Amino acid sequence: MSHAPAVTAIDPEVRDWPASRRVEVDEALSHYPNRRSAVLPLMWIAQREWGWLSPPVLRLVARTAELPEPEVFGIATFYTMFNLRPVGRHHLQVCMTISCSLMGADRLFRHLERKLGIGHGETTPDGRFTLRRVECLAACGRGPCMQVNFDYHENLDEARVDALLETLT
């Protein structure tokens, strides 16, 4: 089972990539003749390092990709795969498109809200779970679907979700 990276404290003055990520950053940049084209891979690297994309981290990505900061912030807010706030150890994303909704996603989401005591975009006080509604996880024939970190879980009902939650430490 994949786990989200532990959220680390982010220095408000992040100025450079940690040495442990520099090779990865250089590798990503080497694939594109124009640095700006590497913005998405750079965001992925940053999110793996810090767990989320804080404003100082987005400024670092902008400098690295040689893009204006507002453009990078716009890209980060467009894609739901990027976390603009810290998330729990287990990021639960429930597909809410029409196919999954018709198969019970709304009911499933309400069940998760009651069980975890949190709503959309919130994290449990212990930092274990973050719950979000998302659009289309591309499992239309096997809904309702939920992504936990990077793992997909399909054909869910309340009992299956409860059993899944029990396995997540």
N, C-alpha and C. Protein backbone atom coordinates (compact mmCIF):
# COMPACT_ATOMS: atom_id res chain seq x y z
N MET A 1 0.85 -1.17 0.00
CA MET A 1 0.00 0.00 0.00
C MET A 1 0.89 1.23 0.00
N SER A 2 0.62 2.19 -0.87
CA SER A 2 1.38 3.43 -0.92
C SER A 2 0.96 4.34 0.21
N HIS A 3 1.91 5.08 0.72
CA HIS A 3 1.62 6.04 1.77
C HIS A 3 2.02 7.43 1.30
N ALA A 4 1.27 8.41 1.74
CA ALA A 4 1.62 9.79 1.43
C ALA A 4 2.87 10.13 2.23
N PRO A 5 3.67 11.05 1.71
CA PRO A 5 4.86 11.44 2.45
C PRO A 5 4.45 12.12 3.75
N ALA A 6 5.28 11.99 4.75
CA ALA A 6 5.03 12.69 5.99
C ALA A 6 5.16 14.18 5.73
N VAL A 7 4.24 14.95 6.25
CA VAL A 7 4.31 16.39 6.07
C VAL A 7 5.44 16.90 6.95
N THR A 8 6.35 17.61 6.33
CA THR A 8 7.47 18.16 7.07
C THR A 8 7.28 19.67 7.20
N ALA A 9 7.92 20.23 8.19
CA ALA A 9 7.85 21.68 8.35
C ALA A 9 8.54 22.31 7.14
N ILE A 10 7.91 23.31 6.59
CA ILE A 10 8.48 23.97 5.43
C ILE A 10 9.01 25.33 5.87
N ASP A 11 10.27 25.54 5.63
CA ASP A 11 10.92 26.80 5.95
C ASP A 11 10.23 27.88 5.12
N PRO A 12 9.75 28.94 5.76
CA PRO A 12 9.07 29.99 5.00
C PRO A 12 9.98 30.67 3.99
N GLU A 13 11.26 30.42 4.09
CA GLU A 13 12.22 31.00 3.16
C GLU A 13 12.88 29.93 2.30
N VAL A 14 12.13 28.92 1.87
CA VAL A 14 12.69 27.87 1.02
C VAL A 14 13.37 28.54 -0.17
N ARG A 15 14.64 28.25 -0.35
CA ARG A 15 15.39 28.92 -1.42
C ARG A 15 15.92 27.94 -2.47
N ASP A 16 16.05 26.68 -2.10
CA ASP A 16 16.61 25.73 -3.06
C ASP A 16 16.12 24.33 -2.75
N TRP A 17 16.32 23.46 -3.71
CA TRP A 17 15.95 22.06 -3.56
C TRP A 17 16.92 21.37 -2.62
N PRO A 18 16.44 20.47 -1.79
CA PRO A 18 17.37 19.69 -0.96
C PRO A 18 18.29 18.87 -1.86
N ALA A 19 19.48 18.62 -1.39
CA ALA A 19 20.45 17.84 -2.18
C ALA A 19 19.87 16.50 -2.58
N SER A 20 19.03 15.91 -1.72
CA SER A 20 18.43 14.61 -2.01
C SER A 20 17.50 14.64 -3.22
N ARG A 21 17.02 15.81 -3.61
CA ARG A 21 16.11 15.95 -4.77
C ARG A 21 16.77 16.60 -5.97
N ARG A 22 17.95 17.14 -5.81
CA ARG A 22 18.58 17.89 -6.89
C ARG A 22 18.79 17.06 -8.15
N VAL A 23 19.22 15.81 -8.00
CA VAL A 23 19.41 14.94 -9.16
C VAL A 23 18.08 14.73 -9.88
N GLU A 24 17.04 14.53 -9.13
CA GLU A 24 15.70 14.33 -9.70
C GLU A 24 15.24 15.59 -10.45
N VAL A 25 15.49 16.74 -9.88
CA VAL A 25 15.11 18.01 -10.52
C VAL A 25 15.89 18.17 -11.83
N ASP A 26 17.20 17.95 -11.78
CA ASP A 26 18.02 18.07 -12.98
C ASP A 26 17.59 17.07 -14.06
N GLU A 27 17.24 15.86 -13.64
CA GLU A 27 16.76 14.85 -14.59
C GLU A 27 15.47 15.31 -15.25
N ALA A 28 14.53 15.84 -14.46
CA ALA A 28 13.27 16.33 -15.03
C ALA A 28 13.53 17.45 -16.02
N LEU A 29 14.39 18.38 -15.67
CA LEU A 29 14.69 19.50 -16.56
C LEU A 29 15.36 19.05 -17.85
N SER A 30 16.14 17.97 -17.79
CA SER A 30 16.86 17.50 -18.96
C SER A 30 15.94 16.95 -20.06
N HIS A 31 14.70 16.64 -19.72
CA HIS A 31 13.77 16.07 -20.70
C HIS A 31 13.08 17.13 -21.55
N TYR A 32 13.26 18.39 -21.21
CA TYR A 32 12.53 19.46 -21.89
C TYR A 32 13.48 20.53 -22.40
N PRO A 33 13.41 20.88 -23.68
CA PRO A 33 14.28 21.95 -24.18
C PRO A 33 13.91 23.31 -23.58
N ASN A 34 12.66 23.44 -23.15
CA ASN A 34 12.20 24.67 -22.52
C ASN A 34 11.88 24.35 -21.05
N ARG A 35 12.54 25.00 -20.11
CA ARG A 35 12.38 24.71 -18.68
C ARG A 35 10.93 24.79 -18.22
N ARG A 36 10.17 25.69 -18.80
CA ARG A 36 8.78 25.87 -18.37
C ARG A 36 7.95 24.60 -18.57
N SER A 37 8.35 23.78 -19.52
CA SER A 37 7.61 22.54 -19.78
C SER A 37 7.77 21.52 -18.66
N ALA A 38 8.73 21.73 -17.78
CA ALA A 38 8.97 20.79 -16.68
C ALA A 38 8.18 21.15 -15.42
N VAL A 39 7.27 22.10 -15.51
CA VAL A 39 6.59 22.58 -14.31
C VAL A 39 5.81 21.48 -13.59
N LEU A 40 5.09 20.63 -14.31
CA LEU A 40 4.34 19.56 -13.64
C LEU A 40 5.26 18.55 -12.97
N PRO A 41 6.29 18.04 -13.67
CA PRO A 41 7.22 17.15 -12.97
C PRO A 41 7.88 17.81 -11.75
N LEU A 42 8.19 19.09 -11.85
CA LEU A 42 8.79 19.78 -10.70
C LEU A 42 7.82 19.86 -9.54
N MET A 43 6.54 20.08 -9.83
CA MET A 43 5.55 20.10 -8.75
C MET A 43 5.43 18.73 -8.09
N TRP A 44 5.49 17.66 -8.90
CA TRP A 44 5.44 16.32 -8.32
C TRP A 44 6.64 16.08 -7.40
N ILE A 45 7.80 16.48 -7.84
CA ILE A 45 9.01 16.31 -7.03
C ILE A 45 8.86 17.09 -5.71
N ALA A 46 8.39 18.32 -5.81
CA ALA A 46 8.20 19.14 -4.62
C ALA A 46 7.18 18.51 -3.67
N GLN A 47 6.09 18.01 -4.22
CA GLN A 47 5.06 17.40 -3.36
C GLN A 47 5.59 16.14 -2.69
N ARG A 48 6.40 15.36 -3.41
CA ARG A 48 7.00 14.17 -2.78
C ARG A 48 7.94 14.58 -1.64
N GLU A 49 8.63 15.67 -1.83
CA GLU A 49 9.58 16.13 -0.80
C GLU A 49 8.89 16.70 0.43
N TRP A 50 7.93 17.60 0.21
CA TRP A 50 7.34 18.33 1.32
C TRP A 50 5.92 17.89 1.67
N GLY A 51 5.32 17.03 0.87
CA GLY A 51 3.97 16.56 1.17
C GLY A 51 2.86 17.45 0.65
N TRP A 52 3.19 18.70 0.38
CA TRP A 52 2.22 19.66 -0.15
C TRP A 52 2.99 20.82 -0.75
N LEU A 53 2.28 21.67 -1.50
CA LEU A 53 2.91 22.78 -2.19
C LEU A 53 2.56 24.10 -1.51
N SER A 54 3.40 24.50 -0.59
CA SER A 54 3.21 25.77 0.12
C SER A 54 3.61 26.92 -0.81
N PRO A 55 3.22 28.14 -0.49
CA PRO A 55 3.65 29.28 -1.32
C PRO A 55 5.17 29.36 -1.50
N PRO A 56 5.99 29.17 -0.45
CA PRO A 56 7.44 29.20 -0.69
C PRO A 56 7.91 28.10 -1.65
N VAL A 57 7.30 26.94 -1.57
CA VAL A 57 7.68 25.84 -2.47
C VAL A 57 7.25 26.16 -3.89
N LEU A 58 6.07 26.74 -4.07
CA LEU A 58 5.62 27.12 -5.41
C LEU A 58 6.54 28.21 -6.00
N ARG A 59 7.04 29.10 -5.15
CA ARG A 59 8.00 30.11 -5.64
C ARG A 59 9.28 29.43 -6.11
N LEU A 60 9.72 28.39 -5.39
CA LEU A 60 10.91 27.63 -5.80
C LEU A 60 10.67 26.97 -7.15
N VAL A 61 9.52 26.36 -7.33
CA VAL A 61 9.17 25.74 -8.61
C VAL A 61 9.18 26.80 -9.72
N ALA A 62 8.61 27.95 -9.44
CA ALA A 62 8.57 29.03 -10.45
C ALA A 62 9.99 29.45 -10.85
N ARG A 63 10.85 29.64 -9.86
CA ARG A 63 12.24 30.02 -10.18
C ARG A 63 12.92 28.93 -11.00
N THR A 64 12.71 27.68 -10.61
CA THR A 64 13.36 26.57 -11.30
C THR A 64 12.88 26.44 -12.73
N ALA A 65 11.58 26.61 -12.94
CA ALA A 65 11.00 26.48 -14.28
C ALA A 65 11.09 27.78 -15.09
N GLU A 66 11.59 28.83 -14.44
CA GLU A 66 11.70 30.13 -15.08
C GLU A 66 10.34 30.63 -15.58
N LEU A 67 9.36 30.53 -14.68
CA LEU A 67 7.99 30.98 -14.96
C LEU A 67 7.60 32.05 -13.95
N PRO A 68 6.69 32.93 -14.31
CA PRO A 68 6.18 33.90 -13.33
C PRO A 68 5.44 33.15 -12.21
N GLU A 69 5.60 33.62 -10.99
CA GLU A 69 4.94 32.97 -9.85
C GLU A 69 3.43 32.82 -10.04
N PRO A 70 2.70 33.85 -10.50
CA PRO A 70 1.25 33.69 -10.66
C PRO A 70 0.89 32.55 -11.63
N GLU A 71 1.70 32.33 -12.65
CA GLU A 71 1.42 31.25 -13.59
C GLU A 71 1.56 29.88 -12.90
N VAL A 72 2.58 29.73 -12.09
CA VAL A 72 2.78 28.47 -11.36
C VAL A 72 1.66 28.27 -10.34
N PHE A 73 1.27 29.32 -9.63
CA PHE A 73 0.17 29.22 -8.67
C PHE A 73 -1.11 28.82 -9.40
N GLY A 74 -1.34 29.38 -10.60
CA GLY A 74 -2.52 29.03 -11.39
C GLY A 74 -2.52 27.58 -11.81
N ILE A 75 -1.39 27.07 -12.21
CA ILE A 75 -1.28 25.66 -12.60
C ILE A 75 -1.56 24.77 -11.40
N ALA A 76 -0.98 25.12 -10.25
CA ALA A 76 -1.16 24.31 -9.04
C ALA A 76 -2.63 24.27 -8.61
N THR A 77 -3.35 25.38 -8.79
CA THR A 77 -4.75 25.39 -8.37
C THR A 77 -5.66 24.72 -9.39
N PHE A 78 -5.21 24.58 -10.62
CA PHE A 78 -6.03 23.94 -11.65
C PHE A 78 -6.11 22.43 -11.43
N TYR A 79 -5.01 21.81 -11.06
CA TYR A 79 -4.95 20.35 -10.93
C TYR A 79 -5.25 19.91 -9.50
N THR A 80 -6.23 19.04 -9.36
CA THR A 80 -6.60 18.57 -8.02
C THR A 80 -5.58 17.59 -7.44
N MET A 81 -4.64 17.12 -8.24
CA MET A 81 -3.64 16.17 -7.75
C MET A 81 -2.58 16.84 -6.89
N PHE A 82 -2.56 18.17 -6.90
CA PHE A 82 -1.57 18.88 -6.10
C PHE A 82 -2.23 19.38 -4.82
N ASN A 83 -1.55 19.16 -3.72
CA ASN A 83 -2.06 19.55 -2.41
C ASN A 83 -1.54 20.93 -2.07
N LEU A 84 -2.45 21.86 -1.88
CA LEU A 84 -2.07 23.22 -1.55
C LEU A 84 -2.15 23.48 -0.05
N ARG A 85 -2.50 22.45 0.69
CA ARG A 85 -2.49 22.47 2.16
C ARG A 85 -1.99 21.10 2.60
N PRO A 86 -1.49 21.00 3.81
CA PRO A 86 -1.07 19.68 4.29
C PRO A 86 -2.25 18.70 4.27
N VAL A 87 -1.96 17.45 3.98
CA VAL A 87 -2.99 16.41 4.00
C VAL A 87 -2.60 15.34 5.00
N GLY A 88 -3.59 14.55 5.40
CA GLY A 88 -3.33 13.48 6.34
C GLY A 88 -2.48 12.37 5.73
N ARG A 89 -2.09 11.46 6.59
CA ARG A 89 -1.28 10.31 6.14
C ARG A 89 -2.01 9.53 5.06
N HIS A 90 -3.33 9.47 5.15
CA HIS A 90 -4.16 8.78 4.16
C HIS A 90 -5.10 9.80 3.54
N HIS A 91 -4.85 10.11 2.27
CA HIS A 91 -5.65 11.10 1.54
C HIS A 91 -6.76 10.36 0.81
N LEU A 92 -7.98 10.47 1.32
CA LEU A 92 -9.14 9.78 0.76
C LEU A 92 -9.84 10.71 -0.23
N GLN A 93 -9.88 10.29 -1.49
CA GLN A 93 -10.51 11.08 -2.53
C GLN A 93 -11.63 10.26 -3.15
N VAL A 94 -12.86 10.72 -2.96
CA VAL A 94 -14.03 10.00 -3.44
C VAL A 94 -14.51 10.64 -4.74
N CYS A 95 -14.63 9.82 -5.77
CA CYS A 95 -15.11 10.28 -7.07
C CYS A 95 -16.59 10.67 -6.95
N MET A 96 -16.92 11.88 -7.43
CA MET A 96 -18.29 12.37 -7.31
C MET A 96 -18.94 12.65 -8.66
N THR A 97 -18.35 12.15 -9.75
CA THR A 97 -18.97 12.38 -11.05
C THR A 97 -20.25 11.57 -11.16
N ILE A 98 -21.00 11.81 -12.20
CA ILE A 98 -22.35 11.24 -12.31
C ILE A 98 -22.37 9.71 -12.22
N SER A 99 -21.42 9.04 -12.86
CA SER A 99 -21.41 7.57 -12.83
C SER A 99 -21.27 7.06 -11.40
N CYS A 100 -20.30 7.58 -10.68
CA CYS A 100 -20.09 7.12 -9.30
C CYS A 100 -21.24 7.57 -8.40
N SER A 101 -21.76 8.77 -8.64
CA SER A 101 -22.90 9.25 -7.84
C SER A 101 -24.10 8.34 -8.01
N LEU A 102 -24.36 7.92 -9.25
CA LEU A 102 -25.49 7.02 -9.49
C LEU A 102 -25.30 5.66 -8.81
N MET A 103 -24.04 5.31 -8.57
CA MET A 103 -23.75 4.02 -7.94
C MET A 103 -23.53 4.14 -6.43
N GLY A 104 -23.80 5.32 -5.87
CA GLY A 104 -23.76 5.45 -4.41
C GLY A 104 -22.64 6.28 -3.82
N ALA A 105 -21.91 7.05 -4.61
CA ALA A 105 -20.79 7.84 -4.08
C ALA A 105 -21.25 8.87 -3.06
N ASP A 106 -22.41 9.48 -3.28
CA ASP A 106 -22.89 10.50 -2.34
C ASP A 106 -23.15 9.87 -0.97
N ARG A 107 -23.80 8.73 -0.98
CA ARG A 107 -24.08 8.00 0.27
C ARG A 107 -22.76 7.59 0.94
N LEU A 108 -21.83 7.12 0.14
CA LEU A 108 -20.52 6.70 0.65
C LEU A 108 -19.77 7.88 1.27
N PHE A 109 -19.82 9.02 0.62
CA PHE A 109 -19.13 10.20 1.14
C PHE A 109 -19.74 10.62 2.47
N ARG A 110 -21.07 10.64 2.57
CA ARG A 110 -21.73 10.98 3.84
C ARG A 110 -21.33 10.00 4.93
N HIS A 111 -21.22 8.71 4.59
CA HIS A 111 -20.78 7.68 5.54
C HIS A 111 -19.38 8.01 6.06
N LEU A 112 -18.48 8.36 5.15
CA LEU A 112 -17.11 8.71 5.55
C LEU A 112 -17.10 9.96 6.43
N GLU A 113 -17.91 10.94 6.10
CA GLU A 113 -17.99 12.15 6.93
C GLU A 113 -18.42 11.80 8.36
N ARG A 114 -19.45 10.95 8.48
CA ARG A 114 -19.92 10.56 9.81
C ARG A 114 -18.86 9.74 10.54
N LYS A 115 -18.28 8.78 9.86
CA LYS A 115 -17.32 7.87 10.49
C LYS A 115 -16.06 8.59 10.95
N LEU A 116 -15.57 9.51 10.11
CA LEU A 116 -14.32 10.19 10.42
C LEU A 116 -14.52 11.50 11.18
N GLY A 117 -15.74 12.01 11.16
CA GLY A 117 -16.02 13.27 11.85
C GLY A 117 -15.44 14.49 11.16
N ILE A 118 -15.26 14.41 9.85
CA ILE A 118 -14.72 15.52 9.08
C ILE A 118 -15.51 15.68 7.80
N GLY A 119 -15.39 16.83 7.17
CA GLY A 119 -16.04 17.09 5.90
C GLY A 119 -15.02 17.24 4.78
N HIS A 120 -15.52 17.66 3.64
CA HIS A 120 -14.69 17.85 2.45
C HIS A 120 -13.51 18.79 2.75
N GLY A 121 -12.30 18.33 2.39
CA GLY A 121 -11.11 19.14 2.55
C GLY A 121 -10.57 19.20 3.95
N GLU A 122 -11.17 18.47 4.87
CA GLU A 122 -10.73 18.51 6.27
C GLU A 122 -9.87 17.29 6.59
N THR A 123 -9.09 17.43 7.65
CA THR A 123 -8.20 16.38 8.12
C THR A 123 -8.57 16.04 9.55
N THR A 124 -8.55 14.75 9.89
CA THR A 124 -8.84 14.34 11.26
C THR A 124 -7.81 14.97 12.21
N PRO A 125 -8.22 15.23 13.45
CA PRO A 125 -7.31 15.87 14.40
C PRO A 125 -5.98 15.12 14.59
N ASP A 126 -6.00 13.80 14.43
CA ASP A 126 -4.76 13.03 14.61
C ASP A 126 -3.89 13.03 13.35
N GLY A 127 -4.34 13.71 12.27
CA GLY A 127 -3.56 13.79 11.04
C GLY A 127 -3.58 12.51 10.22
N ARG A 128 -4.45 11.60 10.57
CA ARG A 128 -4.48 10.31 9.89
C ARG A 128 -5.18 10.35 8.53
N PHE A 129 -6.32 11.06 8.44
CA PHE A 129 -7.12 11.07 7.21
C PHE A 129 -7.45 12.48 6.76
N THR A 130 -7.40 12.70 5.46
CA THR A 130 -7.96 13.89 4.81
C THR A 130 -8.99 13.36 3.82
N LEU A 131 -10.17 14.00 3.80
CA LEU A 131 -11.28 13.55 2.96
C LEU A 131 -11.59 14.63 1.92
N ARG A 132 -11.69 14.21 0.66
CA ARG A 132 -12.02 15.15 -0.42
C ARG A 132 -12.95 14.52 -1.43
N ARG A 133 -13.82 15.37 -1.98
CA ARG A 133 -14.60 15.02 -3.16
C ARG A 133 -13.74 15.39 -4.36
N VAL A 134 -13.69 14.52 -5.36
CA VAL A 134 -12.95 14.84 -6.57
C VAL A 134 -13.79 14.48 -7.78
N GLU A 135 -13.40 15.01 -8.90
CA GLU A 135 -14.08 14.71 -10.16
C GLU A 135 -13.33 13.61 -10.89
N CYS A 136 -14.04 12.65 -11.35
CA CYS A 136 -13.63 11.57 -12.22
C CYS A 136 -12.27 10.95 -11.93
N LEU A 137 -12.32 9.79 -11.34
CA LEU A 137 -11.13 8.97 -11.13
C LEU A 137 -10.98 7.93 -12.24
N ALA A 138 -11.79 8.06 -13.28
CA ALA A 138 -11.70 7.21 -14.47
C ALA A 138 -11.98 5.74 -14.18
N ALA A 139 -12.93 5.48 -13.30
CA ALA A 139 -13.35 4.11 -13.02
C ALA A 139 -14.87 4.04 -13.15
N CYS A 140 -15.39 4.63 -14.19
CA CYS A 140 -16.84 4.82 -14.35
C CYS A 140 -17.64 3.53 -14.30
N GLY A 141 -17.10 2.44 -14.75
CA GLY A 141 -17.84 1.18 -14.74
C GLY A 141 -17.68 0.39 -13.45
N ARG A 142 -16.89 0.90 -12.52
CA ARG A 142 -16.61 0.15 -11.30
C ARG A 142 -16.81 1.00 -10.05
N GLY A 143 -17.70 1.95 -10.13
CA GLY A 143 -17.94 2.86 -9.01
C GLY A 143 -18.85 2.25 -7.98
N PRO A 144 -18.98 2.93 -6.87
CA PRO A 144 -18.22 4.12 -6.54
C PRO A 144 -16.74 3.80 -6.30
N CYS A 145 -15.93 4.79 -6.60
CA CYS A 145 -14.48 4.63 -6.54
C CYS A 145 -13.88 5.64 -5.57
N MET A 146 -12.83 5.21 -4.89
CA MET A 146 -12.10 6.10 -3.99
C MET A 146 -10.61 5.85 -4.17
N GLN A 147 -9.87 6.93 -4.22
CA GLN A 147 -8.41 6.83 -4.28
C GLN A 147 -7.88 7.11 -2.88
N VAL A 148 -7.04 6.21 -2.38
CA VAL A 148 -6.37 6.40 -1.10
C VAL A 148 -4.89 6.58 -1.41
N ASN A 149 -4.40 7.80 -1.22
CA ASN A 149 -3.07 8.18 -1.67
C ASN A 149 -2.98 7.89 -3.17
N PHE A 150 -2.23 6.89 -3.59
CA PHE A 150 -2.14 6.59 -5.03
C PHE A 150 -2.83 5.28 -5.39
N ASP A 151 -3.52 4.65 -4.47
CA ASP A 151 -4.18 3.37 -4.71
C ASP A 151 -5.68 3.55 -4.94
N TYR A 152 -6.19 2.87 -5.96
CA TYR A 152 -7.62 2.92 -6.29
C TYR A 152 -8.36 1.78 -5.61
N HIS A 153 -9.59 2.09 -5.17
CA HIS A 153 -10.48 1.09 -4.58
C HIS A 153 -11.84 1.29 -5.24
N GLU A 154 -12.37 0.21 -5.83
CA GLU A 154 -13.57 0.31 -6.64
C GLU A 154 -14.69 -0.58 -6.10
N ASN A 155 -15.89 -0.39 -6.67
CA ASN A 155 -17.08 -1.15 -6.27
C ASN A 155 -17.28 -1.08 -4.77
N LEU A 156 -17.21 0.12 -4.22
CA LEU A 156 -17.26 0.29 -2.77
C LEU A 156 -18.67 0.41 -2.23
N ASP A 157 -18.83 -0.02 -1.02
CA ASP A 157 -20.02 0.24 -0.23
C ASP A 157 -19.52 0.54 1.19
N GLU A 158 -20.42 0.82 2.10
CA GLU A 158 -20.03 1.20 3.45
C GLU A 158 -19.20 0.11 4.14
N ALA A 159 -19.59 -1.14 3.99
CA ALA A 159 -18.85 -2.23 4.65
C ALA A 159 -17.43 -2.35 4.08
N ARG A 160 -17.29 -2.23 2.77
CA ARG A 160 -15.95 -2.32 2.18
C ARG A 160 -15.08 -1.14 2.61
N VAL A 161 -15.67 0.04 2.70
CA VAL A 161 -14.91 1.21 3.14
C VAL A 161 -14.48 1.05 4.59
N ASP A 162 -15.39 0.56 5.44
CA ASP A 162 -15.04 0.34 6.85
C ASP A 162 -13.90 -0.66 6.97
N ALA A 163 -13.94 -1.72 6.20
CA ALA A 163 -12.87 -2.73 6.24
C ALA A 163 -11.56 -2.12 5.74
N LEU A 164 -11.63 -1.31 4.70
CA LEU A 164 -10.42 -0.65 4.18
C LEU A 164 -9.82 0.28 5.22
N LEU A 165 -10.66 1.08 5.85
CA LEU A 165 -10.15 2.02 6.86
C LEU A 165 -9.44 1.30 7.99
N GLU A 166 -9.92 0.11 8.34
CA GLU A 166 -9.28 -0.68 9.41
C GLU A 166 -7.87 -1.11 9.05
N THR A 167 -7.58 -1.21 7.75
CA THR A 167 -6.24 -1.65 7.34
C THR A 167 -5.24 -0.51 7.28
N LEU A 168 -5.73 0.72 7.34
CA LEU A 168 -4.86 1.89 7.20
C LEU A 168 -4.35 2.32 8.57
N THR A 169 -3.05 2.25 8.75
CA THR A 169 -2.47 2.62 10.05
C THR A 169 -1.96 4.03 10.07
